[in-house]
Amino acid sequence: MRLLIVEDEPRLAVLLRRGFQGEGYAVDLADAGDEGLWRASETDYDGVILDVMLPAMNGIEVCRRLRSAGRWVPIIMLTARDQVADRIAGLDAGADDYLAKPFSFAELAARMRALIRRGEVDRPVVMEIGTLTLDPAAHTAYRGQDLLELTATEFAVLELLMRYPGEALTRTRILHHVWDVAYDATSNVVDQHIGLLRKKIDRPYGREDIQTVRGVGYRLAVDTQQ
């Protein structure tokens, strides 16, 4: 079994390597996000332990890029900040588990063993609603055969709507999923991005699939009209 530990605190990295070597693992270390991304892209590891706060590239972005590239190695994310927003961001980026510092090495080792026994997670299912298709792993979206040029934020909003077709999603729910719980709840950023999405995925095709639910938020129509 071979692990990659991406951690920029030298003492902790050495302690983790020593602990996992004692458990019988071969262990590689990286002390920056870009190095961790390169190593995890080039080597078939059985598991990755990934700190959130890293130089060059944070752990959430490393995880997101690995998943977008189709690398489904089990990932446990570590952070010194035990905040719900951090957990959500890490899990939404594709992490399998999350552990806040300080933590017990025995617990970390047990969680890694459980993930390795389970094996690599399945590739996320491609979502199809009417003529809309969204592939979370490839990070692509289509209207029919047309590739949609979406920003990362627009993609995240569309993905959330497609995960809950026909369901009215509140502005707060969209805000907390795509941005974070600390974002100004009085901001109209959700409405702005819904407007941008409509200009790209609805209006050019004579569609009105993104519907406004008065006093609530938005929903994606489940009409399968081609």
Protein backbone atom coordinates (compact mmCIF):
# COMPACT_ATOMS: atom_id res chain seq x y z
CA MET A 1 0.00 0.00 0.00
CA ARG A 2 1.30 3.43 -0.93
CA LEU A 3 0.13 6.76 0.50
CA LEU A 4 0.75 10.38 -0.41
CA ILE A 5 0.80 12.91 2.43
CA VAL A 6 0.53 16.55 1.33
CA GLU A 7 1.36 18.63 4.40
CA ASP A 8 3.47 21.79 4.73
CA GLU A 9 4.14 21.49 8.48
CA PRO A 10 7.43 19.54 8.47
CA ARG A 11 7.08 18.09 11.97
CA LEU A 12 3.54 16.84 11.38
CA ALA A 13 4.46 15.45 7.96
CA VAL A 14 7.35 13.46 9.44
CA LEU A 15 5.20 12.16 12.29
CA LEU A 16 2.48 11.05 9.89
CA ARG A 17 4.99 9.35 7.60
CA ARG A 18 6.57 7.55 10.54
CA GLY A 19 3.18 6.46 11.85
CA PHE A 20 1.95 5.09 8.53
CA GLN A 21 5.27 3.41 7.82
CA GLY A 22 4.80 1.66 11.15
CA GLU A 23 1.44 0.48 9.82
CA GLY A 24 3.18 -1.07 6.83
CA TYR A 25 2.60 1.64 4.20
CA ALA A 26 5.06 3.12 1.75
CA VAL A 27 4.73 6.89 2.12
CA ASP A 28 5.59 9.82 -0.15
CA LEU A 29 5.58 13.42 1.08
CA ALA A 30 4.78 16.72 -0.65
CA ASP A 31 4.91 20.10 1.08
CA ALA A 32 3.01 22.23 -1.46
CA GLY A 33 -0.25 21.92 -3.34
CA ASP A 34 1.20 21.96 -6.84
CA GLU A 35 3.69 19.22 -5.94
CA GLY A 36 0.92 17.15 -4.37
CA LEU A 37 -1.22 17.52 -7.49
CA TRP A 38 1.69 16.44 -9.70
CA ARG A 39 2.52 13.41 -7.57
CA ALA A 40 -1.10 12.27 -7.27
CA SER A 41 -1.57 12.71 -11.02
CA GLU A 42 1.51 10.70 -11.93
CA THR A 43 1.35 7.88 -9.37
CA ASP A 44 -1.42 5.42 -8.52
CA TYR A 45 -1.65 5.86 -4.76
CA ASP A 46 -3.92 3.80 -2.53
CA GLY A 47 -4.78 6.89 -0.49
CA VAL A 48 -4.01 10.61 -0.14
CA ILE A 49 -3.93 12.70 3.04
CA LEU A 50 -4.33 16.31 1.99
CA ASP A 51 -4.01 19.42 4.13
CA VAL A 52 -6.36 22.28 3.22
CA MET A 53 -3.96 25.16 3.88
CA LEU A 54 -1.00 24.69 1.53
CA PRO A 55 1.39 26.97 -0.34
CA ALA A 56 1.16 27.30 -4.14
CA MET A 57 -2.32 25.72 -4.29
CA ASN A 58 -4.75 24.95 -1.47
CA GLY A 59 -5.91 21.42 -0.78
CA ILE A 60 -9.47 22.02 -1.94
CA GLU A 61 -8.24 23.08 -5.38
CA VAL A 62 -5.86 20.09 -5.51
CA CYS A 63 -8.76 17.76 -4.74
CA ARG A 64 -11.03 19.43 -7.28
CA ARG A 65 -8.43 19.15 -10.04
CA LEU A 66 -7.74 15.50 -9.28
CA ARG A 67 -11.43 14.65 -9.48
CA SER A 68 -11.88 16.68 -12.65
CA ALA A 69 -9.02 14.68 -14.16
CA GLY A 70 -10.74 11.40 -13.23
CA ARG A 71 -8.40 10.51 -10.35
CA TRP A 72 -10.63 8.80 -7.77
CA VAL A 73 -8.05 7.77 -5.18
CA PRO A 74 -9.49 7.98 -1.62
CA ILE A 75 -8.73 11.40 -0.11
CA ILE A 76 -8.85 12.50 3.52
CA MET A 77 -8.59 16.26 4.03
CA LEU A 78 -6.98 17.83 7.09
CA THR A 79 -7.43 21.36 8.38
CA ALA A 80 -6.74 23.40 11.48
CA ARG A 81 -10.06 25.19 10.99
CA ASP A 82 -12.97 23.14 12.31
CA GLN A 83 -15.61 25.07 10.39
CA VAL A 84 -18.69 23.77 8.60
CA ALA A 85 -17.87 25.86 5.52
CA ASP A 86 -14.46 24.19 5.21
CA ARG A 87 -16.01 20.73 5.51
CA ILE A 88 -18.59 21.53 2.85
CA ALA A 89 -15.98 22.96 0.49
CA GLY A 90 -13.72 19.93 0.89
CA LEU A 91 -16.48 17.39 0.44
CA ASP A 92 -17.98 19.27 -2.49
CA ALA A 93 -14.54 19.24 -4.12
CA GLY A 94 -14.62 15.43 -3.97
CA ALA A 95 -12.90 14.51 -0.70
CA ASP A 96 -14.01 11.21 0.84
CA ASP A 97 -13.48 12.17 4.48
CA TYR A 98 -12.50 15.12 6.63
CA LEU A 99 -10.56 15.43 9.89
CA ALA A 100 -9.89 18.62 11.86
CA LYS A 101 -6.61 19.26 13.66
CA PRO A 102 -5.65 18.31 16.28
CA PHE A 103 -6.60 14.69 15.68
CA SER A 104 -5.70 11.23 16.87
CA PHE A 105 -3.35 9.35 14.56
CA ALA A 106 -5.21 6.14 15.45
CA GLU A 107 -8.45 7.69 14.15
CA LEU A 108 -6.78 8.95 10.96
CA ALA A 109 -5.25 5.53 10.31
CA ALA A 110 -8.60 3.81 10.92
CA ARG A 111 -10.38 6.14 8.52
CA MET A 112 -7.76 5.55 5.85
CA ARG A 113 -8.02 1.77 6.28
CA ALA A 114 -11.79 1.99 5.87
CA LEU A 115 -11.48 4.02 2.67
CA ILE A 116 -8.87 1.69 1.20
CA ARG A 117 -11.05 -1.34 1.96
CA ARG A 118 -13.89 0.37 0.14
CA GLY A 119 -11.63 1.10 -2.83
CA GLU A 120 -11.79 4.03 -5.19
CA VAL A 121 -15.18 5.71 -5.37
CA ASP A 122 -17.21 5.41 -8.52
CA ARG A 123 -17.04 8.16 -11.05
CA PRO A 124 -19.98 10.57 -10.50
CA VAL A 125 -22.92 9.85 -12.74
CA VAL A 126 -23.40 12.15 -15.72
CA MET A 127 -26.62 14.11 -15.12
CA GLU A 128 -29.18 14.58 -17.89
CA ILE A 129 -32.26 16.78 -17.62
CA GLY A 130 -34.05 17.29 -20.92
CA THR A 131 -31.41 18.46 -23.39
CA LEU A 132 -29.04 19.52 -20.62
CA THR A 133 -26.12 17.22 -19.81
CA LEU A 134 -23.59 17.83 -17.04
CA ASP A 135 -20.52 15.73 -16.27
CA PRO A 136 -19.16 16.59 -12.79
CA ALA A 137 -15.92 14.64 -13.30
CA ALA A 138 -15.03 16.15 -16.68
CA HIS A 139 -16.47 19.50 -15.57
CA THR A 140 -18.38 19.89 -18.83
CA ALA A 141 -21.96 20.86 -19.60
CA TYR A 142 -23.90 20.63 -22.86
CA ARG A 143 -27.18 21.85 -24.28
CA GLY A 144 -27.82 19.16 -26.83
CA GLN A 145 -24.56 18.89 -28.74
CA ASP A 146 -23.41 22.40 -27.84
CA LEU A 147 -20.67 22.74 -25.22
CA LEU A 148 -21.66 25.42 -22.72
CA GLU A 149 -18.92 27.88 -21.78
CA LEU A 150 -19.56 28.29 -18.05
CA THR A 151 -17.48 29.83 -15.31
CA ALA A 152 -16.67 27.66 -12.29
CA THR A 153 -19.39 29.43 -10.27
CA GLU A 154 -22.00 29.11 -13.02
CA PHE A 155 -21.15 25.42 -13.33
CA ALA A 156 -21.59 24.94 -9.58
CA VAL A 157 -25.01 26.64 -9.63
CA LEU A 158 -26.17 24.54 -12.58
CA GLU A 159 -24.88 21.34 -10.98
CA LEU A 160 -26.87 22.07 -7.81
CA LEU A 161 -30.05 22.76 -9.79
CA MET A 162 -29.58 19.54 -11.79
CA ARG A 163 -29.07 17.46 -8.67
CA TYR A 164 -32.53 18.50 -7.48
CA PRO A 165 -34.66 18.80 -10.65
CA GLY A 166 -38.13 20.19 -10.05
CA GLU A 167 -37.29 21.14 -6.46
CA ALA A 168 -37.49 24.76 -5.37
CA LEU A 169 -34.10 25.73 -3.95
CA THR A 170 -33.93 28.79 -1.73
CA ARG A 171 -31.46 31.54 -2.46
CA THR A 172 -29.84 30.82 0.91
CA ARG A 173 -29.34 27.16 0.02
CA ILE A 174 -27.76 28.05 -3.30
CA LEU A 175 -25.61 30.72 -1.66
CA HIS A 176 -24.27 28.37 1.01
CA HIS A 177 -23.61 25.56 -1.47
CA VAL A 178 -21.80 27.59 -4.10
CA TRP A 179 -20.18 30.30 -2.00
CA ASP A 180 -20.00 29.77 1.78
CA VAL A 181 -22.01 30.28 4.95
CA ALA A 182 -20.16 33.51 5.74
CA TYR A 183 -21.22 35.20 2.49
CA ASP A 184 -23.49 38.22 2.86
CA ALA A 185 -27.02 36.80 2.86
CA THR A 186 -28.41 40.13 1.61
CA SER A 187 -26.27 40.00 -1.54
CA ASN A 188 -27.99 39.50 -4.89
CA VAL A 189 -25.11 37.37 -6.16
CA VAL A 190 -27.40 34.34 -6.59
CA ASP A 191 -29.85 36.29 -8.76
CA GLN A 192 -26.98 37.70 -10.81
CA HIS A 193 -25.56 34.25 -11.56
CA ILE A 194 -28.99 32.81 -12.34
CA GLY A 195 -29.36 35.63 -14.88
CA LEU A 196 -25.99 34.81 -16.40
CA LEU A 197 -26.89 31.12 -16.60
CA ARG A 198 -30.17 31.87 -18.34
CA LYS A 199 -28.31 33.87 -20.98
CA LYS A 200 -26.10 30.87 -21.71
CA ILE A 201 -28.29 27.78 -21.32
CA ASP A 202 -31.88 28.97 -21.88
CA ARG A 203 -32.36 32.07 -24.01
CA PRO A 204 -30.17 31.05 -26.98
CA TYR A 205 -32.26 27.87 -27.24
CA GLY A 206 -35.70 29.40 -26.69
CA ARG A 207 -35.97 27.67 -23.31
CA GLU A 208 -37.10 28.74 -19.85
CA ASP A 209 -35.89 25.74 -17.85
CA ILE A 210 -34.55 27.78 -14.92
CA GLN A 211 -37.72 28.96 -13.24
CA THR A 212 -38.21 31.59 -10.56
CA VAL A 213 -40.24 30.44 -7.56
CA ARG A 214 -41.66 33.65 -6.16
CA GLY A 215 -40.67 34.28 -2.56
CA VAL A 216 -38.48 31.16 -2.47
CA GLY A 217 -35.73 30.92 -5.06
CA TYR A 218 -35.24 28.89 -8.22
CA ARG A 219 -35.82 25.45 -9.70
CA LEU A 220 -34.85 23.58 -12.84
CA ALA A 221 -37.88 22.36 -14.78
CA VAL A 222 -38.09 18.60 -15.31
CA ASP A 223 -39.80 18.95 -18.70
CA THR A 224 -38.03 16.49 -20.99
CA GLN A 225 -39.01 18.32 -24.19
CA GLN A 226 -36.20 17.94 -26.71
